[in-house]
Amino acid sequence: MLIERNKYLNRMIDHKHNNRIKIITGIRRCGKSYLLNELFKNHLIEEGVKENHIIQLALDDIKYKKLRVADECYNYIVEKIDENSDKIYYVLIDEVQMLEDFVDVLNGLLHLKNVDVYVTGSNSKFLSKDVATEFRGRGDEIRMFPLSFSEYYKAYIDIEKKKLDNKNGEMGIADYARLTPDSVWADYCTYGGLPYILELDTDEDKMMYLKNLCVETYIRDIVERNKVKNVAELDSLVDIIASGIGTLTNAQKIVNTYASNENVKISVPTIKKYIEYLQDAFFISEAKRYDIKGRKYIGAPVKYYFEDIGLRNARVNFRQHEETHIMENIIYNELRYRGYAVDVGQVNIREREKDKLRKKQLEIDFVVNKGDKKCYIQSAYSIPDEDKMKQETKSLINTGDSFKKIIITKDYVNKKVFENGIVMIGLMDFLIEEDSLFF
């Protein structure tokens, strides 16, 4: 099954031959290996690169186990390279974090004049730290995410059409209804965007795949990498965060939850350490609070979102299907997929109550930045009446600046601009049109 990941492939192509290490990072099973070893390799072959000039190592494959040793790996690669050739050799290393002293190996390859290096990795802290320091400005990170909704939607339609073609069938009214963005959304917001989900036919298979992946791949990987002794504590933390996506929290609140719900004593430093492990593995992401009028970060509490909503749903056994919070998580992921920095906004106001001025803190779901582009976004599943509209617009109106202000709603709407400059966008329009925010 061919799934286009053109956003990432084009970035890799743009960075070819720049004498820097191209590092593709992201959560395991999001498609990094497929991007590197299928899509990019196919691009190289189409460009006329010969197979013997493409050196591939999948370090998570047992047959390459001996090459996880630095000297063995470096010598293996160098033996395949003719340093006198005027043709480029492309080195593609999958799961590079499994290679000991990988920084030394990669820096050594950079000294070869006819070598272009691409690697994948699944550990945020391990790689981003080294990109910034050890490579001394000679590493380019290409951050990869699970399928965005638009990627998922396109692949979903292609698969369904191929099924019909194989049956020599024609699209009927029921088929067209099943392939609308709203219909596909129901699948996406339940099972998320890990590519293999598209190869599974039944709900039972999808649910089992995600549940097993959480335990057998992600949690086990985190436990083994960080030598976690109390797995039950880490496991419970994941469940607590999964039950509270999109809500402000901090380590102390989580400690209190352990004490009240599970009668378990756990320290704040331990919780912070576990959260760091989950972030390093790209399992969850943190959105910090930003004081809009004060123009500064506030600190705790913060919000946590799951890198893939299907994994979150698996952690709560597909029971807590609050579409409001799920939609917020998906919008957050979509914004990051588009390359925006995303924070939670706070607006402090004074409001008169019973002849007294009282301080109030209003929240804006997302403060979005990229270069000179900035906007504020509220996620609202529906806006059924005027009271709900006032609730959603109050914080936006009180920012005191002229940056674009947007409400994204599940209710189908064409873009609407209100008198106060607030724009309303339908969720499907936002997810499918990548330039929907700054039109």
Protein backbone atom coordinates (compact mmCIF):
# COMPACT_ATOMS: atom_id res chain seq x y z
CA MET A 1 0.00 0.00 0.00
CA LEU A 2 1.53 3.31 -1.11
CA ILE A 3 0.80 6.27 1.18
CA GLU A 4 2.15 9.58 -0.01
CA ARG A 5 4.13 11.51 2.59
CA ASN A 6 5.11 14.30 0.22
CA LYS A 7 5.57 16.93 2.93
CA TYR A 8 8.46 14.98 4.44
CA LEU A 9 9.80 13.55 1.19
CA ASN A 10 10.10 17.04 -0.30
CA ARG A 11 11.99 18.23 2.78
CA MET A 12 14.45 15.36 2.37
CA ILE A 13 14.88 16.17 -1.32
CA ASP A 14 15.40 19.87 -0.55
CA HIS A 15 18.19 18.96 1.91
CA LYS A 16 20.08 16.59 -0.37
CA HIS A 17 23.84 17.08 -0.79
CA ASN A 18 24.09 19.84 1.83
CA ASN A 19 26.93 18.15 3.77
CA ARG A 20 24.67 17.77 6.81
CA ILE A 21 23.13 14.74 8.48
CA LYS A 22 19.41 14.50 7.79
CA ILE A 23 17.73 13.09 10.92
CA ILE A 24 14.10 11.95 10.68
CA THR A 25 12.58 11.83 14.15
CA GLY A 26 9.15 10.86 15.44
CA ILE A 27 7.16 8.29 17.36
CA ARG A 28 7.72 4.65 16.45
CA ARG A 29 5.38 3.29 13.74
CA CYS A 30 4.58 6.74 12.31
CA GLY A 31 6.24 5.88 8.98
CA LYS A 32 9.87 6.96 9.32
CA SER A 33 11.28 3.70 7.97
CA TYR A 34 8.81 3.72 5.10
CA LEU A 35 9.76 7.30 4.25
CA LEU A 36 13.48 6.53 4.31
CA ASN A 37 13.65 3.05 2.79
CA GLU A 38 10.74 3.16 0.35
CA LEU A 39 9.74 6.68 -0.66
CA PHE A 40 13.17 8.31 -0.53
CA LYS A 41 14.95 5.28 -1.96
CA ASN A 42 12.44 5.18 -4.83
CA HIS A 43 13.12 8.86 -5.44
CA LEU A 44 16.86 8.20 -5.64
CA ILE A 45 16.39 5.33 -8.10
CA GLU A 46 14.06 7.45 -10.24
CA GLU A 47 16.78 10.10 -10.28
CA GLY A 48 19.20 7.53 -11.71
CA VAL A 49 21.10 6.54 -8.56
CA LYS A 50 22.37 2.95 -8.82
CA GLU A 51 21.43 0.41 -6.15
CA ASN A 52 25.06 -0.12 -5.11
CA HIS A 53 25.28 3.58 -4.27
CA ILE A 54 22.47 3.24 -1.71
CA ILE A 55 23.68 1.73 1.58
CA GLN A 56 20.83 0.72 3.89
CA LEU A 57 21.04 -0.40 7.53
CA ALA A 58 17.98 -1.29 9.62
CA LEU A 59 19.53 -1.43 13.07
CA ASP A 60 16.37 -2.79 14.69
CA ASP A 61 16.70 -5.88 12.46
CA ILE A 62 18.48 -8.79 14.14
CA LYS A 63 20.61 -9.42 11.06
CA TYR A 64 22.30 -6.04 11.60
CA LYS A 65 22.84 -6.57 15.32
CA LYS A 66 26.64 -6.72 15.06
CA LEU A 67 26.59 -3.36 13.26
CA ARG A 68 25.22 -1.65 16.37
CA VAL A 69 28.89 -1.47 17.46
CA ALA A 70 30.45 1.80 16.26
CA ASP A 71 33.62 0.40 14.64
CA GLU A 72 31.75 -2.47 12.96
CA CYS A 73 29.16 -0.10 11.52
CA TYR A 74 31.64 2.48 10.27
CA ASN A 75 33.91 -0.12 8.64
CA TYR A 76 30.92 -1.86 7.02
CA ILE A 77 29.80 1.40 5.39
CA VAL A 78 33.27 2.57 4.34
CA GLU A 79 34.02 -0.78 2.67
CA LYS A 80 31.06 -0.21 0.36
CA ILE A 81 32.24 3.25 -0.73
CA ASP A 82 34.70 4.09 -3.46
CA GLU A 83 36.13 7.37 -2.21
CA ASN A 84 37.56 8.10 -5.66
CA SER A 85 34.16 7.94 -7.33
CA ASP A 86 32.59 11.19 -8.47
CA LYS A 87 29.13 9.73 -7.74
CA ILE A 88 27.38 10.26 -4.41
CA TYR A 89 26.80 7.34 -2.02
CA TYR A 90 23.60 7.59 0.03
CA VAL A 91 23.76 6.09 3.52
CA LEU A 92 20.32 5.33 5.00
CA ILE A 93 20.43 4.21 8.66
CA ASP A 94 17.17 3.23 10.33
CA GLU A 95 16.79 3.57 14.16
CA VAL A 96 20.21 5.13 14.61
CA GLN A 97 19.78 5.44 18.39
CA MET A 98 20.50 1.69 18.57
CA LEU A 99 24.05 2.38 17.38
CA GLU A 100 26.56 2.97 20.17
CA ASP A 101 28.57 6.17 19.79
CA PHE A 102 26.43 7.01 16.77
CA VAL A 103 27.55 10.65 16.84
CA ASP A 104 31.17 9.62 16.21
CA VAL A 105 30.12 7.33 13.35
CA LEU A 106 27.99 9.98 11.66
CA ASN A 107 30.58 12.70 12.09
CA GLY A 108 33.12 10.33 10.58
CA LEU A 109 30.89 9.79 7.54
CA LEU A 110 30.59 13.56 7.09
CA HIS A 111 34.33 13.70 6.39
CA LEU A 112 33.86 11.56 3.27
CA LYS A 113 33.46 13.86 0.29
CA ASN A 114 31.02 11.72 -1.70
CA VAL A 115 28.63 10.56 1.05
CA ASP A 116 25.15 11.87 1.88
CA VAL A 117 23.74 10.62 5.20
CA TYR A 118 20.11 10.10 6.29
CA VAL A 119 19.03 8.49 9.55
CA THR A 120 15.85 7.86 11.55
CA GLY A 121 15.47 7.91 15.32
CA SER A 122 12.71 7.52 17.89
CA ASN A 123 14.12 9.35 20.89
CA SER A 124 13.60 13.09 21.12
CA LYS A 125 16.09 13.97 23.86
CA PHE A 126 18.75 11.58 22.61
CA LEU A 127 18.74 13.05 19.11
CA SER A 128 17.76 16.70 19.47
CA LYS A 129 20.50 17.27 22.06
CA ASP A 130 23.08 15.76 19.75
CA VAL A 131 21.81 17.65 16.70
CA ALA A 132 22.38 20.91 18.56
CA THR A 133 25.73 20.10 20.15
CA GLU A 134 27.72 17.15 18.86
CA PHE A 135 27.00 17.82 15.18
CA ARG A 136 27.86 21.52 15.66
CA GLY A 137 25.25 22.82 13.27
CA ARG A 138 25.73 19.99 10.78
CA GLY A 139 22.49 18.14 11.49
CA ASP A 140 19.03 18.82 10.02
CA GLU A 141 16.08 17.42 11.95
CA ILE A 142 13.01 16.46 9.94
CA ARG A 143 10.21 15.95 12.47
CA MET A 144 7.66 13.34 11.37
CA PHE A 145 4.16 12.80 12.74
CA PRO A 146 1.50 10.12 12.29
CA LEU A 147 -0.79 10.69 9.33
CA SER A 148 -2.54 14.04 9.40
CA PHE A 149 -6.26 13.93 8.67
CA SER A 150 -5.74 15.07 5.07
CA GLU A 151 -3.08 12.35 4.52
CA TYR A 152 -5.34 9.76 6.15
CA TYR A 153 -8.39 10.88 4.18
CA LYS A 154 -6.62 10.66 0.84
CA ALA A 155 -5.16 7.23 1.60
CA TYR A 156 -8.52 5.99 2.93
CA ILE A 157 -10.31 6.98 -0.28
CA ASP A 158 -7.60 5.42 -2.46
CA ILE A 159 -7.89 2.14 -0.57
CA GLU A 160 -11.68 2.04 -0.79
CA LYS A 161 -11.64 2.81 -4.51
CA LYS A 162 -9.14 0.02 -5.12
CA LYS A 163 -11.40 -2.38 -3.25
CA LEU A 164 -14.25 -1.46 -5.58
CA ASP A 165 -12.03 -1.79 -8.63
CA ASN A 166 -10.99 -5.27 -7.54
CA LYS A 167 -14.67 -6.19 -7.32
CA ASN A 168 -15.37 -4.53 -10.68
CA GLY A 169 -17.84 -2.33 -8.86
CA GLU A 170 -18.95 1.25 -9.39
CA MET A 171 -19.32 3.98 -6.80
CA GLY A 172 -22.87 4.22 -5.56
CA ILE A 173 -24.64 6.75 -3.38
CA ALA A 174 -23.83 4.74 -0.24
CA ASP A 175 -20.14 4.60 -1.20
CA TYR A 176 -19.94 8.34 -1.75
CA ALA A 177 -21.64 8.96 1.60
CA ARG A 178 -19.15 6.67 3.32
CA LEU A 179 -16.18 8.53 1.84
CA THR A 180 -17.11 12.08 2.86
CA PRO A 181 -14.69 13.84 5.24
CA ASP A 182 -17.25 13.64 8.06
CA SER A 183 -17.60 9.88 7.64
CA VAL A 184 -13.85 9.29 7.58
CA TRP A 185 -13.48 11.58 10.61
CA ALA A 186 -15.36 9.04 12.74
CA ASP A 187 -12.67 6.45 11.97
CA TYR A 188 -9.76 8.87 12.37
CA CYS A 189 -10.82 10.34 15.71
CA THR A 190 -11.24 6.82 17.10
CA TYR A 191 -8.20 5.00 15.73
CA GLY A 192 -5.81 7.83 14.90
CA GLY A 193 -3.25 8.15 12.14
CA LEU A 194 -0.65 5.40 12.53
CA PRO A 195 -0.34 4.17 8.91
CA TYR A 196 -0.85 0.45 9.61
CA ILE A 197 -4.40 1.19 10.82
CA LEU A 198 -5.37 1.63 7.16
CA GLU A 199 -4.44 -1.98 6.44
CA LEU A 200 -6.81 -3.34 9.08
CA ASP A 201 -10.42 -4.03 8.16
CA THR A 202 -12.29 -4.53 11.42
CA ASP A 203 -12.77 -2.45 14.54
CA GLU A 204 -11.57 -5.38 16.64
CA ASP A 205 -8.29 -5.61 14.71
CA LYS A 206 -7.68 -1.87 14.98
CA MET A 207 -8.39 -1.81 18.70
CA MET A 208 -6.18 -4.83 19.38
CA TYR A 209 -3.33 -3.40 17.29
CA LEU A 210 -3.33 -0.11 19.21
CA LYS A 211 -3.65 -1.73 22.63
CA ASN A 212 -0.79 -4.12 21.95
CA LEU A 213 1.32 -1.34 20.46
CA CYS A 214 0.98 0.74 23.61
CA VAL A 215 2.14 -2.05 25.88
CA GLU A 216 4.47 -4.16 23.76
CA THR A 217 6.22 -1.36 21.86
CA TYR A 218 5.94 2.08 23.44
CA ILE A 219 5.78 1.33 27.16
CA ARG A 220 8.25 -1.54 26.92
CA ASP A 221 10.64 0.62 24.90
CA ILE A 222 10.46 3.43 27.48
CA VAL A 223 10.94 0.99 30.36
CA GLU A 224 13.97 -0.70 28.78
CA ARG A 225 15.61 2.50 27.56
CA ASN A 226 15.29 4.29 30.90
CA LYS A 227 15.60 1.22 33.15
CA VAL A 228 12.26 1.97 34.85
CA LYS A 229 11.82 -0.31 37.87
CA ASN A 230 8.21 0.41 38.82
CA VAL A 231 6.38 -0.23 35.54
CA ALA A 232 2.97 -0.07 37.22
CA GLU A 233 3.55 3.58 38.22
CA LEU A 234 4.51 4.55 34.68
CA ASP A 235 1.56 2.63 33.29
CA SER A 236 -0.85 4.41 35.64
CA LEU A 237 0.61 7.79 34.69
CA VAL A 238 -0.16 7.15 31.02
CA ASP A 239 -3.76 6.33 31.95
CA ILE A 240 -4.09 9.48 34.07
CA ILE A 241 -2.81 11.70 31.26
CA ALA A 242 -5.02 9.89 28.73
CA SER A 243 -8.09 10.57 30.88
CA GLY A 244 -7.27 14.28 31.10
CA ILE A 245 -6.14 15.39 27.64
CA GLY A 246 -6.73 19.07 27.08
CA THR A 247 -6.96 19.91 30.80
CA LEU A 248 -4.43 21.91 32.77
CA THR A 249 -2.38 19.83 35.17
CA ASN A 250 0.99 19.59 36.88
CA ALA A 251 3.09 17.00 38.68
CA GLN A 252 1.58 17.78 42.09
CA LYS A 253 -1.98 17.32 40.80
CA ILE A 254 -0.98 13.98 39.33
CA VAL A 255 0.60 12.94 42.65
CA ASN A 256 -2.70 13.80 44.35
CA THR A 257 -4.56 11.68 41.80
CA TYR A 258 -2.35 8.69 42.63
CA ALA A 259 -3.06 9.19 46.32
CA SER A 260 -6.83 9.61 46.03
CA ASN A 261 -7.63 7.15 43.23
CA GLU A 262 -5.07 4.41 43.80
CA ASN A 263 -3.86 5.01 47.35
CA VAL A 264 -0.31 5.09 46.01
CA LYS A 265 2.46 7.39 47.24
CA ILE A 266 4.71 8.75 44.52
CA SER A 267 7.00 11.79 44.51
CA VAL A 268 6.77 14.87 42.31
CA PRO A 269 10.33 14.34 40.93
CA THR A 270 9.39 10.79 39.91
CA ILE A 271 6.30 12.03 38.04
CA LYS A 272 8.37 14.69 36.27
CA LYS A 273 10.93 12.06 35.30
CA TYR A 274 8.26 9.72 33.90
CA ILE A 275 6.66 12.56 31.92
CA GLU A 276 10.06 13.38 30.45
CA TYR A 277 10.44 9.75 29.36
CA LEU A 278 7.06 9.85 27.61
CA GLN A 279 7.94 13.09 25.84
CA ASP A 280 11.35 11.81 24.80
CA ALA A 281 9.65 8.87 23.11
CA PHE A 282 7.26 11.26 21.29
CA PHE A 283 4.35 9.54 23.07
CA ILE A 284 2.94 12.79 24.50
CA SER A 285 3.62 16.48 23.94
CA GLU A 286 3.44 19.44 26.29
CA ALA A 287 1.70 22.75 25.62
CA LYS A 288 2.88 25.50 27.96
CA ARG A 289 0.81 28.44 29.16
CA TYR A 290 1.59 31.86 27.72
CA ASP A 291 0.46 35.15 29.25
CA ILE A 292 -0.66 37.07 26.16
CA LYS A 293 -0.75 40.54 27.65
CA GLY A 294 2.34 40.01 29.79
CA ARG A 295 4.14 38.37 26.85
CA LYS A 296 5.76 35.67 28.95
CA TYR A 297 5.50 31.99 29.78
CA ILE A 298 3.77 31.25 33.06
CA GLY A 299 4.97 27.74 33.87
CA ALA A 300 2.86 25.02 35.50
CA PRO A 301 0.15 23.93 35.09
CA VAL A 302 0.43 22.81 31.46
CA LYS A 303 -1.55 20.65 29.04
CA TYR A 304 -0.54 17.28 27.62
CA TYR A 305 -1.69 15.87 24.29
CA PHE A 306 -1.07 12.49 22.73
CA GLU A 307 1.03 12.28 19.58
CA ASP A 308 -1.63 9.96 18.15
CA ILE A 309 -5.24 10.04 19.29
CA GLY A 310 -5.70 6.34 18.59
CA LEU A 311 -3.03 5.50 21.17
CA ARG A 312 -4.78 7.74 23.68
CA ASN A 313 -8.10 6.01 23.05
CA ALA A 314 -6.45 2.62 23.44
CA ARG A 315 -5.16 3.63 26.88
CA VAL A 316 -8.72 4.33 28.07
CA ASN A 317 -9.96 1.14 26.39
CA PHE A 318 -11.93 3.21 23.83
CA ARG A 319 -14.43 4.17 26.54
CA GLN A 320 -13.86 7.91 27.09
CA HIS A 321 -14.79 9.15 23.64
CA GLU A 322 -15.32 12.83 24.48
CA GLU A 323 -15.18 14.25 21.00
CA THR A 324 -14.63 17.79 22.32
CA HIS A 325 -11.26 16.86 23.86
CA ILE A 326 -10.38 14.49 21.02
CA MET A 327 -11.00 17.25 18.48
CA GLU A 328 -8.78 19.61 20.49
CA ASN A 329 -5.96 17.04 20.56
CA ILE A 330 -6.24 16.51 16.79
CA ILE A 331 -6.19 20.26 16.09
CA TYR A 332 -3.08 20.58 18.27
CA ASN A 333 -1.36 17.78 16.34
CA GLU A 334 -2.40 19.30 13.01
CA LEU A 335 -0.90 22.66 13.95
CA ARG A 336 2.40 21.04 14.87
CA TYR A 337 2.32 18.95 11.68
CA ARG A 338 2.13 22.27 9.79
CA GLY A 339 5.24 23.49 11.59
CA TYR A 340 3.70 25.90 14.09
CA ALA A 341 4.86 26.44 17.65
CA VAL A 342 1.77 25.94 19.82
CA ASP A 343 1.09 27.21 23.34
CA VAL A 344 -1.96 27.61 25.57
CA GLY A 345 -2.98 31.25 25.87
CA GLN A 346 -4.00 33.03 29.07
CA VAL A 347 -5.68 36.45 29.15
CA ASN A 348 -5.94 38.26 32.48
CA ILE A 349 -8.85 40.69 32.81
CA ARG A 350 -10.67 42.62 35.49
CA GLU A 351 -14.41 42.20 35.55
CA ARG A 352 -16.98 43.88 37.75
CA GLU A 353 -19.02 41.58 39.96
CA LYS A 354 -21.38 42.97 42.62
CA ASP A 355 -19.76 46.41 42.50
CA LYS A 356 -16.24 44.95 42.84
CA LEU A 357 -13.53 44.51 40.25
CA ARG A 358 -12.27 40.96 40.29
CA LYS A 359 -9.34 39.40 38.48
CA LYS A 360 -10.20 36.65 36.04
CA GLN A 361 -8.09 34.36 33.90
CA LEU A 362 -9.49 33.51 30.48
CA GLU A 363 -8.06 30.73 28.34
CA ILE A 364 -7.34 30.60 24.63
CA ASP A 365 -6.90 27.03 23.46
CA PHE A 366 -3.94 27.70 21.18
CA VAL A 367 -1.47 30.51 20.56
CA VAL A 368 0.05 29.66 17.19
CA ASN A 369 3.35 31.01 15.81
CA LYS A 370 5.53 30.41 12.76
CA GLY A 371 7.91 33.10 11.61
CA ASP A 372 5.95 36.32 11.29
CA LYS A 373 2.63 34.48 11.38
CA LYS A 374 0.66 34.44 14.62
CA CYS A 375 -2.94 33.72 15.48
CA TYR A 376 -5.21 32.65 18.30
CA ILE A 377 -7.43 29.60 17.99
CA GLN A 378 -10.41 28.34 19.96
CA SER A 379 -11.58 24.75 19.47
CA ALA A 380 -15.36 24.51 19.84
CA TYR A 381 -17.15 21.29 19.00
CA SER A 382 -20.39 23.19 18.45
CA ILE A 383 -21.80 26.68 19.02
CA PRO A 384 -25.54 26.12 19.42
CA ASP A 385 -26.53 29.52 20.80
CA GLU A 386 -25.48 33.09 21.57
CA ASP A 387 -24.32 32.24 25.09
CA LYS A 388 -21.86 29.67 23.76
CA MET A 389 -20.63 32.17 21.17
CA LYS A 390 -19.97 34.77 23.89
CA GLN A 391 -18.11 32.15 25.94
CA GLU A 392 -15.83 31.21 23.02
CA THR A 393 -15.13 34.79 21.90
CA LYS A 394 -14.62 36.45 25.28
CA SER A 395 -10.93 35.60 25.66
CA LEU A 396 -10.22 36.39 22.00
CA ILE A 397 -11.78 39.84 22.24
CA ASN A 398 -9.75 40.66 25.35
CA THR A 399 -6.26 39.96 23.92
CA GLY A 400 -5.86 43.66 23.15
CA ASP A 401 -4.00 43.07 19.88
CA SER A 402 -4.74 42.73 16.17
CA PHE A 403 -3.50 39.19 15.49
CA LYS A 404 -5.91 36.89 13.67
CA LYS A 405 -8.49 35.25 15.89
CA ILE A 406 -10.12 31.99 14.80
CA ILE A 407 -12.77 29.61 16.09
CA ILE A 408 -12.67 26.08 14.66
CA THR A 409 -15.99 24.28 15.02
CA LYS A 410 -17.21 20.81 14.09
CA ASP A 411 -20.42 22.37 12.83
CA TYR A 412 -20.13 22.77 9.09
CA VAL A 413 -19.60 26.43 8.19
CA ASN A 414 -18.11 28.36 5.35
CA LYS A 415 -15.56 30.87 6.60
CA LYS A 416 -17.38 33.58 8.52
CA VAL A 417 -15.91 36.85 9.75
CA PHE A 418 -17.70 38.57 12.61
CA GLU A 419 -17.75 42.31 13.28
CA ASN A 420 -15.04 42.01 15.93
CA GLY A 421 -12.71 40.36 13.39
CA ILE A 422 -13.11 36.80 14.64
CA VAL A 423 -13.15 34.15 11.91
CA MET A 424 -15.12 30.92 12.18
CA ILE A 425 -13.82 27.89 10.22
CA GLY A 426 -15.37 24.44 9.91
CA LEU A 427 -13.23 21.60 11.23
CA MET A 428 -13.11 19.74 7.89
CA ASP A 429 -12.08 22.91 6.03
CA PHE A 430 -9.32 23.49 8.55
CA LEU A 431 -8.00 19.93 8.41
CA ILE A 432 -8.09 19.49 4.63
CA GLU A 433 -6.91 22.96 3.54
CA GLU A 434 -3.37 23.48 4.83
CA ASP A 435 -3.49 27.23 4.21
CA SER A 436 -6.86 27.63 5.96
CA LEU A 437 -5.53 29.77 8.81
CA PHE A 438 -3.81 32.46 6.78
CA PHE A 439 -5.99 32.78 3.68
